[in-house]
């Protein structure tokens, strides 16, 4: 069991490294080729189609993952579960496609063509069975597929996206990526399970819990998607482009942090199953996950903040200077979001604590809606970032309070808060070095990254030597994964 989790985590981390590298290649190209205004149009149109994608998938990705994980080993039950859950997904996706086609009659004429191309995303939902492979912990297949498609997508962007008018082609490339990725998985699905005709009597049993999970997902979209929509309405396309670019940059490290949750969700769901309820070990695993999450979030968050003054103009090009300040404020968003995501994906969802999950997210969504309305009008893109920060903080606090009598997440956070303090020292060291360097931008940025990484790791190793509660205590780095899933 431990080996399976370790291998899955390695596969996920390998893919996440690729997801970190690819935006580093494509984002500068897109920023210079399309420009902030076209990126703003892309951001707003993608946000619009995302609402329909939410209704297409409902809460099926989390519910399906969790349900399949709970019956691992029982092929007959998995087969019945899959086809009845997928039937609901297929019906919902078809209705979403029809609804989106109707909505096109009300789209602004200047965005009609890009809206059509963005609609390709909806087609990908019809064949999205990734949740089955996540539930059965077959991460190797999805990682290899995603890696190949990701590389091909990067190559297409590098060779064909040259000017603002290529926005339509870029949109088609990104949407086509999703369609092809899902189609590739269908042959592998046939090797795992046979076909079983869905029955409405069984489907009906799944509808309510799926809807229950869908409510927080819908609410969460208010501060994950609504930011871009409200920016488009209350501000300018250029501000939308700045926000989209800064958000994309800060989400690069978030992808690596999210890999841990992707792997641990089915494992914890299995641990908390009726026949294998082991809450004590769940608490131990969650404590380890929290330390690793805070270690990574503090390092990459403060690291990005430390080099943003030099990196943002170099990365995005001239005219994107406002993104520097957006990145500064996105750093605490990254930290709070990482904690909130851990509680949600590694405890609330696998533990079937759907009501608590829903309450926390609705709280945050309402706060974000009001915060965005007042802050975006006053501060533009910065207002959207501040609204997100406030909302994510509210969600994290509510989740910690609601789970306090079961798992002491606040204790886990406090135990590892020293990672934040060490990363602040790293930031100060990097900024001092930056002021003292008088060389080319590339050399300067590289020197800052090396100095920051060395400083942070040196400080961490020193503390680890004396912190017996740390998973890194007296360990070599190569033993980390073994200790994590022991």
Protein backbone atom coordinates (compact mmCIF):
# COMPACT_ATOMS: atom_id res chain seq x y z
CA UNK A 1 0.00 0.00 0.00
CA UNK A 2 2.76 2.40 0.96
CA UNK A 3 4.70 1.62 -2.22
CA UNK A 4 1.60 2.32 -4.31
CA UNK A 5 1.15 5.76 -2.74
CA UNK A 6 4.83 6.55 -3.14
CA UNK A 7 4.85 5.58 -6.82
CA UNK A 8 1.64 7.54 -7.43
CA UNK A 9 3.09 10.59 -5.69
CA UNK A 10 6.27 10.31 -7.76
CA UNK A 11 4.25 10.10 -10.99
CA UNK A 12 2.10 13.05 -9.97
CA UNK A 13 5.09 15.14 -8.91
CA UNK A 14 6.86 14.30 -12.18
CA UNK A 15 3.88 15.54 -14.13
CA UNK A 16 3.55 18.61 -11.93
CA UNK A 17 7.18 19.45 -12.67
CA UNK A 18 6.23 19.39 -16.34
CA UNK A 19 3.24 21.65 -15.63
CA UNK A 20 5.66 24.05 -13.93
CA UNK A 21 8.09 24.03 -16.85
CA UNK A 22 5.57 24.43 -19.69
CA UNK A 23 4.06 27.76 -18.53
CA UNK A 24 7.58 29.07 -18.15
CA UNK A 25 7.91 28.45 -21.91
CA UNK A 26 4.45 29.44 -23.14
CA UNK A 27 3.47 32.36 -20.89
CA UNK A 28 6.18 34.76 -22.15
CA UNK A 29 5.25 33.85 -25.73
CA UNK A 30 1.56 34.49 -25.13
CA UNK A 31 2.17 37.71 -23.20
CA UNK A 32 4.24 39.15 -26.05
CA UNK A 33 2.30 37.66 -28.99
CA UNK A 34 -1.28 38.21 -27.84
CA UNK A 35 -0.85 41.18 -25.50
CA UNK A 36 -2.67 41.98 -22.25
CA UNK A 37 -5.97 42.98 -23.93
CA UNK A 38 -6.32 39.76 -25.96
CA UNK A 39 -5.38 37.73 -22.89
CA UNK A 40 -8.15 39.60 -21.08
CA UNK A 41 -10.62 38.55 -23.78
CA UNK A 42 -9.42 34.95 -23.53
CA UNK A 43 -9.71 35.03 -19.73
CA UNK A 44 -13.27 36.41 -19.78
CA UNK A 45 -14.50 34.02 -22.52
CA UNK A 46 -12.94 31.03 -20.77
CA UNK A 47 -14.59 32.08 -17.51
CA UNK A 48 -17.95 32.18 -19.33
CA UNK A 49 -17.67 28.64 -20.72
CA UNK A 50 -16.41 27.41 -17.33
CA UNK A 51 -19.84 28.06 -15.82
CA UNK A 52 -21.37 25.60 -18.29
CA UNK A 53 -18.54 23.13 -17.66
CA UNK A 54 -19.39 23.23 -13.96
CA UNK A 55 -22.97 22.21 -14.70
CA UNK A 56 -21.72 19.59 -17.15
CA UNK A 57 -19.61 17.80 -14.52
CA UNK A 58 -21.71 18.72 -11.46
CA UNK A 59 -19.85 17.22 -8.46
CA UNK A 60 -18.99 14.04 -10.34
CA UNK A 61 -15.19 14.34 -10.36
CA UNK A 62 -14.95 14.33 -6.57
CA UNK A 63 -17.95 12.05 -6.01
CA UNK A 64 -16.88 9.54 -8.66
CA UNK A 65 -13.27 9.51 -7.42
CA UNK A 66 -14.40 8.95 -3.85
CA UNK A 67 -17.02 6.31 -4.74
CA UNK A 68 -14.69 4.24 -6.92
CA UNK A 69 -11.90 4.47 -4.34
CA UNK A 70 -14.21 3.08 -1.64
CA UNK A 71 -14.88 -0.15 -3.59
CA UNK A 72 -11.40 -0.87 -4.95
CA UNK A 73 -10.98 -4.60 -5.48
CA UNK A 74 -14.66 -5.29 -6.22
CA UNK A 75 -14.73 -5.18 -10.02
CA UNK A 76 -18.44 -5.87 -10.32
CA UNK A 77 -19.38 -3.08 -7.93
CA UNK A 78 -16.93 -0.68 -9.61
CA UNK A 79 -18.47 -1.46 -12.98
CA UNK A 80 -22.00 -0.76 -11.75
CA UNK A 81 -20.91 2.42 -9.97
CA UNK A 82 -19.03 3.77 -12.96
CA UNK A 83 -21.72 3.36 -15.60
CA UNK A 84 -24.53 4.75 -13.46
CA UNK A 85 -22.46 7.77 -12.40
CA UNK A 86 -21.19 8.31 -15.94
CA UNK A 87 -24.76 8.21 -17.29
CA UNK A 88 -25.56 11.21 -15.06
CA UNK A 89 -22.44 12.96 -16.33
CA UNK A 90 -23.34 12.31 -19.97
CA UNK A 91 -26.87 13.69 -19.56
CA UNK A 92 -25.63 16.76 -17.66
CA UNK A 93 -22.89 17.42 -20.24
CA UNK A 94 -25.33 17.15 -23.13
CA UNK A 95 -27.70 19.63 -21.46
CA UNK A 96 -24.76 21.97 -20.82
CA UNK A 97 -23.77 21.88 -24.51
CA UNK A 98 -27.36 22.71 -25.52
CA UNK A 99 -27.50 25.53 -22.96
CA UNK A 100 -24.20 26.97 -24.18
CA UNK A 101 -25.35 26.91 -27.81
CA UNK A 102 -28.45 28.90 -26.81
CA UNK A 103 -26.30 31.39 -24.88
CA UNK A 104 -24.28 32.15 -28.03
CA UNK A 105 -27.24 34.17 -29.35
CA UNK A 106 -26.68 36.63 -26.50
CA UNK A 107 -22.87 36.90 -26.75
CA UNK A 108 -21.32 40.20 -27.86
CA UNK A 109 -20.69 40.11 -31.61
CA UNK A 110 -17.02 40.98 -31.12
CA UNK A 111 -16.57 37.79 -29.07
CA UNK A 112 -18.86 35.45 -31.00
CA UNK A 113 -16.11 33.50 -32.80
CA UNK A 114 -13.94 32.99 -29.73
CA UNK A 115 -17.04 31.92 -27.79
CA UNK A 116 -17.65 29.19 -30.39
CA UNK A 117 -14.05 27.96 -30.07
CA UNK A 118 -14.24 28.01 -26.27
CA UNK A 119 -17.31 25.79 -26.56
CA UNK A 120 -15.03 22.93 -27.61
CA UNK A 121 -14.14 22.63 -23.91
CA UNK A 122 -17.68 21.39 -23.25
CA UNK A 123 -17.30 18.51 -25.69
CA UNK A 124 -14.37 17.21 -23.61
CA UNK A 125 -16.72 16.68 -20.65
CA UNK A 126 -18.66 14.01 -22.55
CA UNK A 127 -15.65 11.69 -22.43
CA UNK A 128 -14.02 12.82 -19.18
CA UNK A 129 -13.50 9.61 -17.19
CA UNK A 130 -10.36 10.71 -15.35
CA UNK A 131 -12.18 10.34 -12.02
CA UNK A 132 -12.33 6.55 -12.54
CA UNK A 133 -8.54 6.29 -12.93
CA UNK A 134 -7.94 8.59 -9.96
CA UNK A 135 -10.31 6.50 -7.86
CA UNK A 136 -8.48 3.29 -8.77
CA UNK A 137 -5.14 5.07 -8.20
CA UNK A 138 -3.93 4.47 -11.76
CA UNK A 139 -1.95 7.67 -11.97
CA UNK A 140 0.74 6.32 -14.28
CA UNK A 141 -1.65 6.16 -17.26
CA UNK A 142 -2.98 9.69 -16.80
CA UNK A 143 0.49 11.13 -16.17
CA UNK A 144 1.97 9.64 -19.35
CA UNK A 145 -1.04 10.80 -21.39
CA UNK A 146 -1.03 14.29 -19.91
CA UNK A 147 2.70 14.63 -20.41
CA UNK A 148 2.57 13.76 -24.11
CA UNK A 149 -0.41 16.06 -24.77
CA UNK A 150 1.20 18.86 -22.75
CA UNK A 151 4.40 18.69 -24.79
CA UNK A 152 2.48 18.70 -28.09
CA UNK A 153 0.44 21.70 -26.91
CA UNK A 154 3.60 23.61 -26.03
CA UNK A 155 5.08 22.89 -29.45
CA UNK A 156 1.93 24.14 -31.20
CA UNK A 157 2.01 27.38 -29.18
CA UNK A 158 5.71 27.92 -29.80
CA UNK A 159 5.44 27.43 -33.56
CA UNK A 160 2.05 28.94 -34.39
CA UNK A 161 1.15 31.71 -31.91
CA UNK A 162 2.81 34.86 -33.25
CA UNK A 163 0.40 37.83 -33.17
CA UNK A 164 -2.81 39.10 -31.48
CA UNK A 165 -5.01 37.71 -34.27
CA UNK A 166 -3.80 34.20 -33.31
CA UNK A 167 -6.06 34.33 -30.26
CA UNK A 168 -8.60 32.07 -32.00
CA UNK A 169 -5.95 29.50 -32.85
CA UNK A 170 -4.63 29.55 -29.27
CA UNK A 171 -8.15 29.01 -27.94
CA UNK A 172 -8.65 26.04 -30.26
CA UNK A 173 -5.29 24.54 -29.25
CA UNK A 174 -6.13 24.71 -25.54
CA UNK A 175 -9.67 23.36 -25.93
CA UNK A 176 -8.48 20.65 -28.33
CA UNK A 177 -5.93 19.60 -25.72
CA UNK A 178 -8.77 18.74 -23.32
CA UNK A 179 -10.79 16.81 -25.94
CA UNK A 180 -7.87 14.68 -27.13
CA UNK A 181 -6.68 14.00 -23.56
CA UNK A 182 -10.04 12.54 -22.59
CA UNK A 183 -10.54 10.54 -25.79
CA UNK A 184 -7.19 8.81 -25.29
CA UNK A 185 -8.37 7.33 -21.98
CA UNK A 186 -11.37 5.46 -23.41
CA UNK A 187 -9.42 2.38 -24.64
CA UNK A 188 -7.81 2.06 -21.19
CA UNK A 189 -11.26 2.22 -19.60
CA UNK A 190 -12.41 -0.80 -21.63
CA UNK A 191 -9.46 -2.80 -20.27
CA UNK A 192 -10.53 -2.08 -16.68
CA UNK A 193 -14.27 -2.66 -16.76
CA UNK A 194 -16.94 -4.03 -19.07
CA UNK A 195 -20.13 -2.31 -20.09
CA UNK A 196 -23.22 -2.37 -17.89
CA UNK A 197 -26.47 -0.71 -18.84
CA UNK A 198 -27.27 2.13 -16.41
CA UNK A 199 -30.52 1.87 -14.50
CA UNK A 200 -32.49 4.90 -13.43
CA UNK A 201 -33.28 3.34 -10.03
CA UNK A 202 -29.53 3.19 -9.30
CA UNK A 203 -28.74 6.51 -10.96
CA UNK A 204 -31.32 8.17 -8.74
CA UNK A 205 -29.39 7.06 -5.64
CA UNK A 206 -26.34 9.02 -6.81
CA UNK A 207 -28.08 12.22 -7.90
CA UNK A 208 -28.56 13.71 -4.44
CA UNK A 209 -24.97 13.22 -3.17
CA UNK A 210 -23.64 14.49 -6.51
CA UNK A 211 -25.76 17.63 -6.21
CA UNK A 212 -24.63 18.05 -2.59
CA UNK A 213 -21.01 18.06 -3.78
CA UNK A 214 -21.93 20.31 -6.69
CA UNK A 215 -23.21 23.11 -4.46
CA UNK A 216 -19.78 23.93 -2.95
CA UNK A 217 -18.13 23.51 -6.35
CA UNK A 218 -20.58 26.03 -7.80
CA UNK A 219 -20.02 28.37 -4.86
CA UNK A 220 -16.27 27.99 -5.19
CA UNK A 221 -16.51 29.08 -8.82
CA UNK A 222 -17.73 32.46 -7.60
CA UNK A 223 -14.27 33.32 -6.32
CA UNK A 224 -12.26 31.17 -8.74
CA UNK A 225 -14.06 32.21 -11.92
CA UNK A 226 -16.22 35.17 -10.92
CA UNK A 227 -13.08 37.27 -10.33
CA UNK A 228 -12.40 37.24 -14.06
CA UNK A 229 -16.04 37.80 -14.96
CA UNK A 230 -16.44 40.75 -12.60
CA UNK A 231 -13.13 42.23 -13.77
CA UNK A 232 -14.42 42.05 -17.33
CA UNK A 233 -17.64 43.84 -16.32
CA UNK A 234 -16.33 46.35 -13.79
CA UNK A 235 -12.87 47.08 -15.20
CA UNK A 236 -10.96 46.90 -18.49
CA UNK A 237 -9.75 44.08 -20.74
CA UNK A 238 -6.19 45.17 -19.96
CA UNK A 239 -6.79 44.77 -16.21
CA UNK A 240 -8.29 41.35 -16.92
CA UNK A 241 -5.13 40.48 -18.83
CA UNK A 242 -2.89 41.60 -15.95
CA UNK A 243 -4.91 39.56 -13.46
CA UNK A 244 -4.94 36.51 -15.75
CA UNK A 245 -1.15 36.68 -16.19
CA UNK A 246 -0.33 37.14 -12.49
CA UNK A 247 -2.82 34.42 -11.51
CA UNK A 248 -1.27 32.04 -14.02
CA UNK A 249 2.22 32.70 -12.68
CA UNK A 250 1.27 32.14 -9.04
CA UNK A 251 -0.67 28.98 -9.90
CA UNK A 252 2.42 27.32 -11.38
CA UNK A 253 3.68 26.22 -7.94
CA UNK A 254 0.12 25.52 -6.79
CA UNK A 255 -0.01 22.71 -9.36
CA UNK A 256 2.88 20.94 -7.59
CA UNK A 257 1.24 21.38 -4.18
CA UNK A 258 -2.08 20.05 -5.54
CA UNK A 259 -0.37 16.82 -6.64
CA UNK A 260 -0.25 15.68 -3.02
CA UNK A 261 -4.03 16.09 -2.65
CA UNK A 262 -4.71 14.25 -5.92
CA UNK A 263 -2.78 11.22 -4.68
CA UNK A 264 -3.95 11.25 -1.07
CA UNK A 265 -7.72 11.67 -1.69
CA UNK A 266 -8.40 8.07 -2.84
CA UNK A 267 -5.97 6.70 -0.25
CA UNK A 268 -7.66 8.51 2.66
CA UNK A 269 -11.10 7.67 1.25
CA UNK A 270 -10.10 4.01 1.36
CA UNK A 271 -8.69 4.37 4.90
CA UNK A 272 -11.97 5.92 6.09
CA UNK A 273 -14.20 3.32 4.42
CA UNK A 274 -16.67 1.44 6.60
CA UNK A 275 -14.53 -1.69 6.54
CA UNK A 276 -11.27 0.13 7.06
CA UNK A 277 -11.97 3.08 9.34
CA UNK A 278 -8.63 4.23 10.72
CA UNK A 279 -9.03 7.84 11.86
CA UNK A 280 -5.93 7.81 14.05
CA UNK A 281 -3.68 7.01 11.12
CA UNK A 282 -5.63 9.49 8.97
CA UNK A 283 -4.73 12.23 11.46
CA UNK A 284 -1.06 11.23 11.34
CA UNK A 285 -1.04 11.25 7.53
CA UNK A 286 -2.78 14.65 7.43
CA UNK A 287 -0.20 16.06 9.85
CA UNK A 288 2.58 14.94 7.54
CA UNK A 289 0.78 16.35 4.52
CA UNK A 290 0.33 19.71 6.25
CA UNK A 291 4.05 19.99 6.98
CA UNK A 292 5.01 19.12 3.42
CA UNK A 293 2.39 21.56 2.09
CA UNK A 294 3.60 24.45 4.26
CA UNK A 295 7.23 23.66 3.45
CA UNK A 296 6.51 23.88 -0.29
CA UNK A 297 4.04 26.80 -0.15
CA UNK A 298 6.38 28.95 1.96
CA UNK A 299 9.36 28.23 -0.27
CA UNK A 300 7.75 28.88 -3.64
CA UNK A 301 5.47 31.68 -2.45
CA UNK A 302 8.15 33.82 -0.86
CA UNK A 303 10.57 32.78 -3.58
CA UNK A 304 8.31 34.21 -6.30
CA UNK A 305 7.75 37.38 -4.26
CA UNK A 306 11.51 37.78 -3.77
CA UNK A 307 12.32 37.74 -7.50
CA UNK A 308 9.11 39.25 -8.94
CA UNK A 309 10.52 42.78 -9.33
CA UNK A 310 13.11 41.48 -11.79
CA UNK A 311 11.33 38.39 -13.06
CA UNK A 312 7.92 39.80 -14.08
CA UNK A 313 9.22 42.36 -16.65
CA UNK A 314 11.68 39.76 -17.97
CA UNK A 315 9.05 37.00 -18.11
CA UNK A 316 6.04 38.87 -19.51
CA UNK A 317 7.81 41.68 -21.33
CA UNK A 318 7.34 45.44 -21.35
CA UNK A 319 3.97 46.78 -20.21
CA UNK A 320 3.27 44.12 -17.58
CA UNK A 321 4.82 46.00 -14.65
CA UNK A 322 1.45 46.17 -12.77
CA UNK A 323 1.70 42.39 -12.42
CA UNK A 324 4.58 42.82 -9.94
CA UNK A 325 2.27 44.19 -7.25
CA UNK A 326 -0.43 41.66 -8.09
CA UNK A 327 2.08 38.86 -7.53
CA UNK A 328 3.01 40.28 -4.12
CA UNK A 329 -0.62 40.03 -3.00
CA UNK A 330 -1.12 36.65 -4.65
CA UNK A 331 1.59 35.11 -2.42
CA UNK A 332 -0.56 35.02 0.74
CA UNK A 333 -3.41 33.73 -1.46
CA UNK A 334 -1.18 30.80 -2.44
CA UNK A 335 -0.35 30.04 1.19
CA UNK A 336 -3.94 30.18 2.47
CA UNK A 337 -5.27 28.34 -0.58
CA UNK A 338 -2.79 25.51 -0.06
CA UNK A 339 -4.02 24.98 3.51
CA UNK A 340 -7.67 25.23 2.49
CA UNK A 341 -7.15 22.82 -0.42
CA UNK A 342 -5.48 20.27 1.86
CA UNK A 343 -8.37 20.27 4.34
CA UNK A 344 -10.90 20.04 1.53
CA UNK A 345 -9.35 17.37 -0.71
CA UNK A 346 -7.58 15.28 1.93
CA UNK A 347 -10.23 15.26 4.64
CA UNK A 348 -13.65 16.79 3.94
CA UNK A 349 -14.22 15.08 0.57
CA UNK A 350 -12.90 11.58 1.43
CA UNK A 351 -14.60 11.73 4.87
CA UNK A 352 -17.97 12.53 3.24
CA UNK A 353 -18.15 15.79 5.22
CA UNK A 354 -20.01 17.40 2.34
CA UNK A 355 -22.16 19.72 4.46
CA UNK A 356 -19.12 21.26 6.15
CA UNK A 357 -17.40 21.57 2.80
CA UNK A 358 -20.48 23.28 1.37
CA UNK A 359 -20.94 25.67 4.29
CA UNK A 360 -17.30 26.81 4.21
CA UNK A 361 -17.29 27.44 0.48
CA UNK A 362 -20.63 29.26 0.44
CA UNK A 363 -19.35 31.49 3.23
CA UNK A 364 -16.27 32.34 1.18
CA UNK A 365 -18.24 32.81 -2.03
CA UNK A 366 -20.62 35.34 -0.49
CA UNK A 367 -17.72 37.24 1.07
CA UNK A 368 -15.84 37.20 -2.24
CA UNK A 369 -18.84 38.47 -4.21
CA UNK A 370 -19.23 41.53 -2.00
CA UNK A 371 -15.46 42.09 -1.68
CA UNK A 372 -15.05 41.97 -5.45
CA UNK A 373 -17.90 44.38 -6.06
CA UNK A 374 -16.38 47.10 -3.89
CA UNK A 375 -12.66 46.38 -4.37
CA UNK A 376 -12.59 45.87 -8.15
CA UNK A 377 -14.45 49.15 -8.69
CA UNK A 378 -11.85 50.94 -6.56
CA UNK A 379 -8.60 49.10 -7.36
CA UNK A 380 -9.17 47.13 -10.58
CA UNK A 381 -7.08 43.96 -10.85
CA UNK A 382 -5.57 44.49 -7.38
CA UNK A 383 -9.11 44.58 -5.98
CA UNK A 384 -9.79 41.15 -7.49
CA UNK A 385 -6.66 39.75 -5.84
CA UNK A 386 -7.62 41.25 -2.47
CA UNK A 387 -11.13 39.83 -2.83
CA UNK A 388 -9.66 36.39 -3.48
CA UNK A 389 -7.35 36.68 -0.47
CA UNK A 390 -10.22 37.61 1.84
CA UNK A 391 -12.41 34.80 0.49
CA UNK A 392 -9.75 32.09 0.69
CA UNK A 393 -8.89 33.15 4.25
CA UNK A 394 -12.55 32.93 5.27
CA UNK A 395 -12.87 29.45 3.73
CA UNK A 396 -9.72 28.19 5.48
CA UNK A 397 -10.84 29.57 8.87
CA UNK A 398 -14.35 28.13 8.58
CA UNK A 399 -13.00 24.71 7.56
CA UNK A 400 -10.57 24.68 10.50
CA UNK A 401 -13.39 25.59 12.92
CA UNK A 402 -15.84 23.02 11.52
CA UNK A 403 -13.30 20.16 11.71
CA UNK A 404 -11.71 21.14 15.04
CA UNK A 405 -13.40 18.38 17.08
CA UNK A 406 -12.21 15.69 14.63
CA UNK A 407 -8.84 16.81 13.27
CA UNK A 408 -6.85 19.67 14.82
CA UNK A 409 -5.73 21.41 11.63
CA UNK A 410 -4.98 24.63 13.52
CA UNK A 411 -2.43 22.70 15.57
CA UNK A 412 -0.83 21.39 12.37
CA UNK A 413 -0.61 24.94 10.97
CA UNK A 414 0.90 26.39 14.17
CA UNK A 415 3.40 23.53 14.43
CA UNK A 416 4.70 24.40 10.97
CA UNK A 417 4.40 28.19 10.96
CA UNK A 418 8.16 28.44 11.30
CA UNK A 419 8.43 27.58 7.59
CA UNK A 420 6.83 30.95 6.87
CA UNK A 421 9.32 32.71 9.15
CA UNK A 422 12.27 30.99 7.44
CA UNK A 423 10.92 31.92 4.02
CA UNK A 424 10.69 35.58 5.14
CA UNK A 425 14.37 35.48 6.07
CA UNK A 426 15.05 34.00 2.62
CA UNK A 427 13.11 36.86 0.99
CA UNK A 428 15.18 39.47 2.86
CA UNK A 429 18.45 37.76 1.88
CA UNK A 430 17.41 37.60 -1.79
CA UNK A 431 16.41 41.30 -1.88
CA UNK A 432 19.71 42.33 -0.29
CA UNK A 433 21.58 40.31 -2.92
CA UNK A 434 19.43 41.85 -5.68
CA UNK A 435 20.38 45.39 -4.62
CA UNK A 436 24.06 44.44 -4.61
CA UNK A 437 24.13 42.80 -8.05
CA UNK A 438 24.91 44.83 -11.14
CA UNK A 439 24.75 42.33 -13.99
CA UNK A 440 22.43 41.09 -16.75
CA UNK A 441 18.83 40.29 -15.81
CA UNK A 442 19.17 36.55 -16.50
CA UNK A 443 22.31 36.18 -14.38
CA UNK A 444 20.75 38.28 -11.65
CA UNK A 445 17.57 36.20 -11.51
CA UNK A 446 19.51 32.92 -11.53
CA UNK A 447 21.77 34.16 -8.74
CA UNK A 448 18.74 35.20 -6.69
CA UNK A 449 17.04 31.82 -7.17
CA UNK A 450 20.18 29.90 -6.18
CA UNK A 451 20.82 32.14 -3.17
CA UNK A 452 17.20 31.93 -2.07
CA UNK A 453 17.01 28.15 -2.41
CA UNK A 454 20.31 27.65 -0.61
CA UNK A 455 19.32 30.00 2.23
CA UNK A 456 15.91 28.41 2.74
CA UNK A 457 17.22 24.84 2.71
CA UNK A 458 20.13 25.72 5.02
CA UNK A 459 17.74 27.27 7.54
CA UNK A 460 15.33 24.33 7.25
CA UNK A 461 18.04 21.70 7.72
CA UNK A 462 19.23 23.54 10.84
CA UNK A 463 15.71 23.53 12.35
CA UNK A 464 15.01 19.94 11.29
CA UNK A 465 17.98 18.77 13.33
CA UNK A 466 16.25 19.93 16.53
CA UNK A 467 12.55 19.40 15.66
CA UNK A 468 11.73 15.80 16.52
CA UNK A 469 8.11 16.22 15.37
CA UNK A 470 9.18 17.00 11.80
CA UNK A 471 8.95 14.36 9.08
CA UNK A 472 12.37 15.63 8.01
CA UNK A 473 13.93 15.09 11.44
CA UNK A 474 17.28 13.34 11.06
CA UNK A 475 16.27 12.15 7.61
CA UNK A 476 17.97 12.18 4.28
CA UNK A 477 15.90 13.78 1.51
CA UNK A 478 15.64 10.47 -0.34
CA UNK A 479 13.79 8.98 2.65
CA UNK A 480 11.11 11.70 2.66
CA UNK A 481 8.48 9.90 0.58
CA UNK A 482 8.96 6.68 2.53
CA UNK A 483 8.39 8.51 5.80
CA UNK A 484 5.43 10.46 4.44
CA UNK A 485 3.35 7.39 3.64
CA UNK A 486 4.71 5.06 6.30
